[in-house]
PDB file of N, CA and C in Angstrom:
ATOM      1  N   UNK A   1       2.527  14.399   6.921  1.00  0.00           N
ATOM      2  CA  UNK A   1       3.334  14.852   4.927  1.00  0.00           C
ATOM      3  C   UNK A   1       1.440  15.348   4.457  1.00  0.00           C
ATOM      4  N   UNK A   2       1.760  16.544   3.900  1.00  0.00           N
ATOM      5  CA  UNK A   2       1.010  17.154   3.587  1.00  0.00           C
ATOM      6  C   UNK A   2       0.988  17.203   1.188  1.00  0.00           C
ATOM      7  N   UNK A   3      -0.600  16.806   0.614  1.00  0.00           N
ATOM      8  CA  UNK A   3      -0.080  16.702  -0.312  1.00  0.00           C
ATOM      9  C   UNK A   3      -0.674  17.988  -0.842  1.00  0.00           C
ATOM     10  N   UNK A   4       0.246  18.632  -1.620  1.00  0.00           N
ATOM     11  CA  UNK A   4       0.661  20.391  -1.597  1.00  0.00           C
ATOM     12  C   UNK A   4      -0.063  20.399  -2.596  1.00  0.00           C
ATOM     13  N   UNK A   5      -0.571  19.318  -3.832  1.00  0.00           N
ATOM     14  CA  UNK A   5      -0.165  20.316  -5.504  1.00  0.00           C
ATOM     15  C   UNK A   5       0.222  18.552  -6.251  1.00  0.00           C
ATOM     16  N   UNK A   6      -1.008  18.838  -6.861  1.00  0.00           N
ATOM     17  CA  UNK A   6      -0.646  17.497  -7.936  1.00  0.00           C
ATOM     18  C   UNK A   6      -1.112  18.369  -9.913  1.00  0.00           C
ATOM     19  N   UNK A   7      -0.309  16.940 -10.216  1.00  0.00           N
ATOM     20  CA  UNK A   7      -0.777  17.966 -11.614  1.00  0.00           C
ATOM     21  C   UNK A   7      -0.708  17.582 -12.783  1.00  0.00           C
ATOM     22  N   UNK A   8      -1.718  17.383 -13.088  1.00  0.00           N
ATOM     23  CA  UNK A   8      -1.832  15.979 -14.339  1.00  0.00           C
ATOM     24  C   UNK A   8      -0.529  16.298 -15.680  1.00  0.00           C
ATOM     25  N   UNK A   9       0.094  15.739 -15.990  1.00  0.00           N
ATOM     26  CA  UNK A   9       0.455  16.446 -16.941  1.00  0.00           C
ATOM     27  C   UNK A   9       0.465  16.218 -18.070  1.00  0.00           C
ATOM     28  N   UNK A  10       0.247  14.698 -18.563  1.00  0.00           N
ATOM     29  CA  UNK A  10      -0.401  14.382 -19.905  1.00  0.00           C
ATOM     30  C   UNK A  10      -1.939  13.345 -19.461  1.00  0.00           C
ATOM     31  N   UNK A  11      -2.763  13.695 -19.776  1.00  0.00           N
ATOM     32  CA  UNK A  11      -4.176  12.344 -20.507  1.00  0.00           C
ATOM     33  C   UNK A  11      -3.784  12.002 -21.704  1.00  0.00           C
ATOM     34  N   UNK A  12      -4.243  10.299 -21.828  1.00  0.00           N
ATOM     35  CA  UNK A  12      -4.626   9.619 -22.558  1.00  0.00           C
ATOM     36  C   UNK A  12      -6.406   9.212 -23.165  1.00  0.00           C
ATOM     37  N   UNK A  13      -6.254   9.072 -24.309  1.00  0.00           N
ATOM     38  CA  UNK A  13      -7.352   8.633 -24.841  1.00  0.00           C
ATOM     39  C   UNK A  13      -7.980   6.785 -24.792  1.00  0.00           C
ATOM     40  N   UNK A  14      -6.557   6.099 -24.699  1.00  0.00           N
ATOM     41  CA  UNK A  14      -7.168   5.016 -24.429  1.00  0.00           C
ATOM     42  C   UNK A  14      -6.378   4.094 -23.336  1.00  0.00           C
ATOM     43  N   UNK A  15      -6.917   2.721 -22.912  1.00  0.00           N
ATOM     44  CA  UNK A  15      -7.365   1.799 -21.989  1.00  0.00           C
ATOM     45  C   UNK A  15      -5.641   1.277 -22.334  1.00  0.00           C
ATOM     46  N   UNK A  16      -5.475   0.663 -21.012  1.00  0.00           N
ATOM     47  CA  UNK A  16      -6.023   1.561 -19.370  1.00  0.00           C
ATOM     48  C   UNK A  16      -4.889   2.258 -19.329  1.00  0.00           C
ATOM     49  N   UNK A  17      -3.599   2.788 -19.981  1.00  0.00           N
ATOM     50  CA  UNK A  17      -3.751   4.257 -19.093  1.00  0.00           C
ATOM     51  C   UNK A  17      -4.042   5.609 -19.371  1.00  0.00           C
ATOM     52  N   UNK A  18      -4.047   5.761 -18.861  1.00  0.00           N
ATOM     53  CA  UNK A  18      -5.315   6.984 -18.705  1.00  0.00           C
ATOM     54  C   UNK A  18      -4.176   8.467 -18.353  1.00  0.00           C
ATOM     55  N   UNK A  19      -3.688   8.480 -17.843  1.00  0.00           N
ATOM     56  CA  UNK A  19      -3.035   9.491 -17.175  1.00  0.00           C
ATOM     57  C   UNK A  19      -1.962   9.633 -16.479  1.00  0.00           C
ATOM     58  N   UNK A  20      -1.001  10.972 -16.330  1.00  0.00           N
ATOM     59  CA  UNK A  20       0.038  10.194 -15.183  1.00  0.00           C
ATOM     60  C   UNK A  20       0.400  11.861 -14.813  1.00  0.00           C
ATOM     61  N   UNK A  21       1.011  11.758 -13.885  1.00  0.00           N
ATOM     62  CA  UNK A  21       0.796  12.672 -13.166  1.00  0.00           C
ATOM     63  C   UNK A  21       1.348  12.867 -12.335  1.00  0.00           C
ATOM     64  N   UNK A  22       1.867  13.727 -10.893  1.00  0.00           N
ATOM     65  CA  UNK A  22       3.484  14.427 -10.789  1.00  0.00           C
ATOM     66  C   UNK A  22       2.428  15.319  -9.131  1.00  0.00           C
ATOM     67  N   UNK A  23       3.048  15.018  -7.750  1.00  0.00           N
ATOM     68  CA  UNK A  23       2.632  14.707  -6.918  1.00  0.00           C
ATOM     69  C   UNK A  23       3.804  16.033  -5.894  1.00  0.00           C
ATOM     70  N   UNK A  24       3.497  16.804  -5.532  1.00  0.00           N
ATOM     71  CA  UNK A  24       4.332  17.540  -4.308  1.00  0.00           C
ATOM     72  C   UNK A  24       4.203  17.274  -2.429  1.00  0.00           C
ATOM     73  N   UNK A  25       5.107  17.061  -2.380  1.00  0.00           N
ATOM     74  CA  UNK A  25       3.752  16.879  -0.712  1.00  0.00           C
ATOM     75  C   UNK A  25       5.290  17.952  -0.001  1.00  0.00           C
ATOM     76  N   UNK A  26       4.310  19.040   0.909  1.00  0.00           N
ATOM     77  CA  UNK A  26       4.520  20.194   1.743  1.00  0.00           C
ATOM     78  C   UNK A  26       5.742  21.267   1.022  1.00  0.00           C
ATOM     79  N   UNK A  27       4.907  21.181  -0.228  1.00  0.00           N
ATOM     80  CA  UNK A  27       5.687  21.732  -0.949  1.00  0.00           C
ATOM     81  C   UNK A  27       7.893  22.531  -1.017  1.00  0.00           C
ATOM     82  N   UNK A  28       7.448  20.787  -0.936  1.00  0.00           N
ATOM     83  CA  UNK A  28       9.545  20.858  -1.189  1.00  0.00           C
ATOM     84  C   UNK A  28       9.787  19.356  -1.875  1.00  0.00           C
ATOM     85  N   UNK A  29       9.179  18.543  -2.245  1.00  0.00           N
ATOM     86  CA  UNK A  29       9.277  17.182  -2.905  1.00  0.00           C
ATOM     87  C   UNK A  29       8.267  16.700  -3.351  1.00  0.00           C
ATOM     88  N   UNK A  30       8.954  16.162  -4.958  1.00  0.00           N
ATOM     89  CA  UNK A  30       8.195  16.384  -5.618  1.00  0.00           C
ATOM     90  C   UNK A  30       8.277  14.977  -6.509  1.00  0.00           C
ATOM     91  N   UNK A  31       7.121  14.189  -6.461  1.00  0.00           N
ATOM     92  CA  UNK A  31       7.360  12.191  -7.507  1.00  0.00           C
ATOM     93  C   UNK A  31       6.589  12.642  -8.969  1.00  0.00           C
ATOM     94  N   UNK A  32       7.272  12.300  -9.714  1.00  0.00           N
ATOM     95  CA  UNK A  32       6.866  12.158 -10.997  1.00  0.00           C
ATOM     96  C   UNK A  32       6.843  10.902 -11.688  1.00  0.00           C
ATOM     97  N   UNK A  33       5.642  11.084 -12.965  1.00  0.00           N
ATOM     98  CA  UNK A  33       5.134  10.068 -13.336  1.00  0.00           C
ATOM     99  C   UNK A  33       4.019   8.741 -12.849  1.00  0.00           C
ATOM    100  N   UNK A  34       3.357   9.146 -12.203  1.00  0.00           N
ATOM    101  CA  UNK A  34       2.907   7.936 -10.841  1.00  0.00           C
ATOM    102  C   UNK A  34       1.321   8.105 -12.431  1.00  0.00           C
ATOM    103  N   UNK A  35       1.090   7.022 -12.564  1.00  0.00           N
ATOM    104  CA  UNK A  35       0.390   6.851 -13.695  1.00  0.00           C
ATOM    105  C   UNK A  35      -1.088   5.983 -13.038  1.00  0.00           C
ATOM    106  N   UNK A  36      -2.433   6.840 -13.669  1.00  0.00           N
ATOM    107  CA  UNK A  36      -4.050   6.772 -13.039  1.00  0.00           C
ATOM    108  C   UNK A  36      -4.116   5.524 -14.933  1.00  0.00           C
ATOM    109  N   UNK A  37      -4.713   4.135 -13.773  1.00  0.00           N
ATOM    110  CA  UNK A  37      -4.695   3.345 -14.951  1.00  0.00           C
ATOM    111  C   UNK A  37      -6.046   2.683 -14.688  1.00  0.00           C
ATOM    112  N   UNK A  38      -6.768   2.677 -15.816  1.00  0.00           N
ATOM    113  CA  UNK A  38      -8.323   2.186 -15.861  1.00  0.00           C
ATOM    114  C   UNK A  38      -8.720   0.618 -16.607  1.00  0.00           C
ATOM    115  N   UNK A  39      -9.457   0.201 -15.196  1.00  0.00           N
ATOM    116  CA  UNK A  39      -9.618  -1.369 -15.295  1.00  0.00           C
ATOM    117  C   UNK A  39     -11.464  -2.032 -16.186  1.00  0.00           C
ATOM    118  N   UNK A  40     -12.022  -1.980 -15.298  1.00  0.00           N
ATOM    119  CA  UNK A  40     -13.318  -2.280 -16.035  1.00  0.00           C
ATOM    120  C   UNK A  40     -14.200  -0.935 -15.369  1.00  0.00           C
ATOM    121  N   UNK A  41     -13.982  -1.463 -14.499  1.00  0.00           N
ATOM    122  CA  UNK A  41     -14.950  -1.259 -12.867  1.00  0.00           C
ATOM    123  C   UNK A  41     -13.844  -0.294 -12.125  1.00  0.00           C
ATOM    124  N   UNK A  42     -13.229   0.615 -12.293  1.00  0.00           N
ATOM    125  CA  UNK A  42     -12.277   0.929 -11.353  1.00  0.00           C
ATOM    126  C   UNK A  42     -10.758   1.395 -11.738  1.00  0.00           C
ATOM    127  N   UNK A  43     -10.994   3.072 -12.152  1.00  0.00           N
ATOM    128  CA  UNK A  43      -9.302   3.938 -11.790  1.00  0.00           C
ATOM    129  C   UNK A  43      -8.468   3.493 -10.350  1.00  0.00           C
ATOM    130  N   UNK A  44      -7.435   3.278 -10.868  1.00  0.00           N
ATOM    131  CA  UNK A  44      -5.703   3.803  -9.267  1.00  0.00           C
ATOM    132  C   UNK A  44      -4.971   3.547  -9.814  1.00  0.00           C
ATOM    133  N   UNK A  45      -4.534   4.098  -8.786  1.00  0.00           N
ATOM    134  CA  UNK A  45      -3.283   4.601  -9.782  1.00  0.00           C
ATOM    135  C   UNK A  45      -1.595   3.900  -9.195  1.00  0.00           C
ATOM    136  N   UNK A  46      -0.914   3.888  -9.877  1.00  0.00           N
ATOM    137  CA  UNK A  46       0.768   2.967 -10.250  1.00  0.00           C
ATOM    138  C   UNK A  46       1.526   3.917  -9.614  1.00  0.00           C
ATOM    139  N   UNK A  47       2.667   3.517  -8.949  1.00  0.00           N
ATOM    140  CA  UNK A  47       3.460   4.502  -8.795  1.00  0.00           C
ATOM    141  C   UNK A  47       5.341   4.488  -9.621  1.00  0.00           C
ATOM    142  N   UNK A  48       5.579   5.661  -9.364  1.00  0.00           N
ATOM    143  CA  UNK A  48       6.761   5.032 -10.767  1.00  0.00           C
ATOM    144  C   UNK A  48       7.644   3.520 -10.300  1.00  0.00           C
ATOM    145  N   UNK A  49       7.769   3.098 -11.343  1.00  0.00           N
ATOM    146  CA  UNK A  49       8.659   2.310 -11.401  1.00  0.00           C
ATOM    147  C   UNK A  49      10.426   2.240 -12.682  1.00  0.00           C
ATOM    148  N   UNK A  50      10.585   0.802 -11.610  1.00  0.00           N
ATOM    149  CA  UNK A  50      12.081   0.656 -12.606  1.00  0.00           C
ATOM    150  C   UNK A  50      12.300  -0.574 -13.347  1.00  0.00           C
ATOM    151  N   UNK A  51      12.749  -1.316 -14.183  1.00  0.00           N
ATOM    152  CA  UNK A  51      12.588  -1.787 -14.688  1.00  0.00           C
ATOM    153  C   UNK A  51      13.371  -2.950 -14.714  1.00  0.00           C
ATOM    154  N   UNK A  52      13.890  -4.155 -13.687  1.00  0.00           N
ATOM    155  CA  UNK A  52      14.951  -5.239 -13.107  1.00  0.00           C
ATOM    156  C   UNK A  52      15.959  -5.227 -14.498  1.00  0.00           C
ATOM    157  N   UNK A  53      17.564  -5.602 -13.400  1.00  0.00           N
ATOM    158  CA  UNK A  53      17.624  -7.004 -15.125  1.00  0.00           C
ATOM    159  C   UNK A  53      17.199  -8.447 -15.590  1.00  0.00           C
ATOM    160  N   UNK A  54      16.387  -8.668 -14.049  1.00  0.00           N
ATOM    161  CA  UNK A  54      15.399 -10.437 -15.084  1.00  0.00           C
ATOM    162  C   UNK A  54      14.153  -9.797 -15.221  1.00  0.00           C
ATOM    163  N   UNK A  55      13.661  -8.508 -16.029  1.00  0.00           N
ATOM    164  CA  UNK A  55      12.361  -8.317 -15.988  1.00  0.00           C
ATOM    165  C   UNK A  55      11.537  -7.377 -15.799  1.00  0.00           C
ATOM    166  N   UNK A  56      11.719  -7.786 -13.805  1.00  0.00           N
ATOM    167  CA  UNK A  56      10.899  -7.798 -13.303  1.00  0.00           C
ATOM    168  C   UNK A  56      10.596  -6.350 -13.108  1.00  0.00           C
ATOM    169  N   UNK A  57       9.457  -4.828 -12.269  1.00  0.00           N
ATOM    170  CA  UNK A  57       9.807  -3.693 -12.314  1.00  0.00           C
ATOM    171  C   UNK A  57       9.137  -4.359 -10.263  1.00  0.00           C
ATOM    172  N   UNK A  58      10.215  -2.965 -10.372  1.00  0.00           N
ATOM    173  CA  UNK A  58       9.857  -2.260  -8.549  1.00  0.00           C
ATOM    174  C   UNK A  58      10.357  -1.148  -8.221  1.00  0.00           C
ATOM    175  N   UNK A  59       9.166  -1.051  -7.831  1.00  0.00           N
ATOM    176  CA  UNK A  59       8.761   1.468  -7.561  1.00  0.00           C
ATOM    177  C   UNK A  59       9.968   1.358  -6.797  1.00  0.00           C
ATOM    178  N   UNK A  60       9.780   2.893  -7.482  1.00  0.00           N
ATOM    179  CA  UNK A  60      10.830   4.195  -6.895  1.00  0.00           C
ATOM    180  C   UNK A  60      10.485   4.904  -5.848  1.00  0.00           C
ATOM    181  N   UNK A  61       9.235   5.472  -6.078  1.00  0.00           N
ATOM    182  CA  UNK A  61       8.900   5.723  -4.703  1.00  0.00           C
ATOM    183  C   UNK A  61       7.314   5.360  -4.321  1.00  0.00           C
ATOM    184  N   UNK A  62       7.270   5.497  -3.566  1.00  0.00           N
ATOM    185  CA  UNK A  62       5.583   4.637  -2.822  1.00  0.00           C
ATOM    186  C   UNK A  62       5.032   4.749  -1.424  1.00  0.00           C
ATOM    187  N   UNK A  63       4.350   4.789  -1.158  1.00  0.00           N
ATOM    188  CA  UNK A  63       3.598   5.156   0.429  1.00  0.00           C
ATOM    189  C   UNK A  63       3.247   4.035   0.852  1.00  0.00           C
ATOM    190  N   UNK A  64       3.859   3.819   1.995  1.00  0.00           N
ATOM    191  CA  UNK A  64       4.419   2.688   2.949  1.00  0.00           C
ATOM    192  C   UNK A  64       3.101   2.363   4.434  1.00  0.00           C
ATOM    193  N   UNK A  65       2.175   2.967   4.130  1.00  0.00           N
ATOM    194  CA  UNK A  65       1.661   2.470   4.809  1.00  0.00           C
ATOM    195  C   UNK A  65      -0.619   2.709   4.075  1.00  0.00           C
ATOM    196  N   UNK A  66      -0.977   1.976   4.504  1.00  0.00           N
ATOM    197  CA  UNK A  66      -2.584   2.659   3.529  1.00  0.00           C
ATOM    198  C   UNK A  66      -3.253   3.241   3.266  1.00  0.00           C
ATOM    199  N   UNK A  67      -3.165   3.671   4.450  1.00  0.00           N
ATOM    200  CA  UNK A  67      -3.763   5.111   4.851  1.00  0.00           C
ATOM    201  C   UNK A  67      -3.413   6.317   3.660  1.00  0.00           C
ATOM    202  N   UNK A  68      -2.545   6.043   4.170  1.00  0.00           N
ATOM    203  CA  UNK A  68      -1.378   7.427   3.346  1.00  0.00           C
ATOM    204  C   UNK A  68      -1.546   7.010   1.763  1.00  0.00           C
ATOM    205  N   UNK A  69      -1.954   5.728   1.101  1.00  0.00           N
ATOM    206  CA  UNK A  69      -1.563   5.537   0.054  1.00  0.00           C
ATOM    207  C   UNK A  69      -2.911   5.703  -0.436  1.00  0.00           C
ATOM    208  N   UNK A  70      -4.121   5.533   0.202  1.00  0.00           N
ATOM    209  CA  UNK A  70      -5.791   6.155   0.284  1.00  0.00           C
ATOM    210  C   UNK A  70      -5.525   7.903  -0.024  1.00  0.00           C
ATOM    211  N   UNK A  71      -5.162   8.400   0.614  1.00  0.00           N
ATOM    212  CA  UNK A  71      -4.362   9.575   0.559  1.00  0.00           C
ATOM    213  C   UNK A  71      -3.511   9.850  -0.676  1.00  0.00           C
ATOM    214  N   UNK A  72      -3.082   9.860  -1.482  1.00  0.00           N
ATOM    215  CA  UNK A  72      -2.381  10.030  -2.405  1.00  0.00           C
ATOM    216  C   UNK A  72      -2.803   9.833  -3.552  1.00  0.00           C
ATOM    217  N   UNK A  73      -3.950   8.731  -4.013  1.00  0.00           N
ATOM    218  CA  UNK A  73      -4.954   7.964  -4.868  1.00  0.00           C
ATOM    219  C   UNK A  73      -5.999   8.797  -4.979  1.00  0.00           C
ATOM    220  N   UNK A  74      -6.562   9.288  -3.776  1.00  0.00           N
ATOM    221  CA  UNK A  74      -7.873  10.386  -4.208  1.00  0.00           C
ATOM    222  C   UNK A  74      -7.625  11.404  -4.658  1.00  0.00           C
ATOM    223  N   UNK A  75      -6.267  12.180  -3.802  1.00  0.00           N
ATOM    224  CA  UNK A  75      -5.959  13.400  -4.768  1.00  0.00           C
ATOM    225  C   UNK A  75      -5.307  13.436  -5.585  1.00  0.00           C
ATOM    226  N   UNK A  76      -5.069  12.238  -6.196  1.00  0.00           N
ATOM    227  CA  UNK A  76      -4.361  11.615  -8.648  1.00  0.00           C
ATOM    228  C   UNK A  76      -5.548  11.932  -8.956  1.00  0.00           C
ATOM    229  N   UNK A  77      -6.967  10.506  -8.805  1.00  0.00           N
ATOM    230  CA  UNK A  77      -7.729  11.032  -9.188  1.00  0.00           C
ATOM    231  C   UNK A  77      -9.141  11.350  -9.129  1.00  0.00           C
ATOM    232  N   UNK A  78      -8.958  12.364  -8.036  1.00  0.00           N
ATOM    233  CA  UNK A  78      -9.356  14.198  -7.942  1.00  0.00           C
ATOM    234  C   UNK A  78      -9.232  14.719  -9.216  1.00  0.00           C
ATOM    235  N   UNK A  79      -8.118  15.518  -8.812  1.00  0.00           N
ATOM    236  CA  UNK A  79      -7.685  15.885 -10.043  1.00  0.00           C
ATOM    237  C   UNK A  79      -7.273  15.642 -11.628  1.00  0.00           C
ATOM    238  N   UNK A  80      -7.249  13.730 -12.021  1.00  0.00           N
ATOM    239  CA  UNK A  80      -7.975  13.882 -12.812  1.00  0.00           C
ATOM    240  C   UNK A  80      -8.934  13.519 -13.393  1.00  0.00           C
ATOM    241  N   UNK A  81     -10.335  13.194 -12.706  1.00  0.00           N
ATOM    242  CA  UNK A  81     -11.703  13.166 -12.853  1.00  0.00           C
ATOM    243  C   UNK A  81     -11.991  15.083 -12.844  1.00  0.00           C
ATOM    244  N   UNK A  82     -10.852  16.232 -12.590  1.00  0.00           N
ATOM    245  CA  UNK A  82     -11.038  17.520 -12.513  1.00  0.00           C
ATOM    246  C   UNK A  82     -10.754  18.515 -14.053  1.00  0.00           C
ATOM    247  N   UNK A  83      -9.698  17.246 -14.391  1.00  0.00           N
ATOM    248  CA  UNK A  83      -9.321  17.545 -16.154  1.00  0.00           C
ATOM    249  C   UNK A  83      -9.144  16.509 -17.209  1.00  0.00           C
ATOM    250  N   UNK A  84     -10.175  15.813 -16.962  1.00  0.00           N
ATOM    251  CA  UNK A  84     -10.682  15.298 -17.258  1.00  0.00           C
ATOM    252  C   UNK A  84     -12.245  15.521 -17.029  1.00  0.00           C
ATOM    253  N   UNK A  85     -13.170  16.561 -16.596  1.00  0.00           N
ATOM    254  CA  UNK A  85     -14.161  17.639 -16.694  1.00  0.00           C
ATOM    255  C   UNK A  85     -13.598  18.677 -17.810  1.00  0.00           C
ATOM    256  N   UNK A  86     -12.467  19.140 -16.940  1.00  0.00           N
ATOM    257  CA  UNK A  86     -12.861  20.473 -17.804  1.00  0.00           C
ATOM    258  C   UNK A  86     -12.145  20.454 -19.872  1.00  0.00           C
ATOM    259  N   UNK A  87     -11.344  19.009 -19.679  1.00  0.00           N
ATOM    260  CA  UNK A  87     -11.265  18.901 -21.575  1.00  0.00           C
ATOM    261  C   UNK A  87     -12.571  18.108 -22.217  1.00  0.00           C
ATOM    262  N   UNK A  88     -13.267  17.923 -21.482  1.00  0.00           N
ATOM    263  CA  UNK A  88     -14.493  17.622 -22.395  1.00  0.00           C
ATOM    264  C   UNK A  88     -13.794  15.511 -22.039  1.00  0.00           C
ATOM    265  N   UNK A  89     -13.144  14.519 -21.576  1.00  0.00           N
ATOM    266  CA  UNK A  89     -12.802  13.793 -21.362  1.00  0.00           C
ATOM    267  C   UNK A  89     -13.013  12.535 -20.917  1.00  0.00           C
ATOM    268  N   UNK A  90     -13.297  11.787 -20.972  1.00  0.00           N
ATOM    269  CA  UNK A  90     -14.384  10.626 -20.485  1.00  0.00           C
ATOM    270  C   UNK A  90     -14.256   9.972 -19.846  1.00  0.00           C
ATOM    271  N   UNK A  91     -13.208   9.512 -18.234  1.00  0.00           N
ATOM    272  CA  UNK A  91     -13.030   8.823 -17.979  1.00  0.00           C
ATOM    273  C   UNK A  91     -13.730   7.735 -18.240  1.00  0.00           C
TER     274      UNK A  91
END
């Protein structure tokens, strides 16, 4: 499966939520609302989720294995860095 497009849909100045992204796979399937989160020492992504009746959250879509999660995270964070550079926003 190839990541064919990553769009940063919205950025935020305040932590921890820094951006919301959409990713297209093989030019045929899109996942929206992937969040870029900032902690004191790193950025990471959070997959779209739904709140359960008991108050917990469950991912709607997610990578099945670590190598693909790393590839997806790298693609989204690279797009976020480019967007931040273009807009002059600090990571």
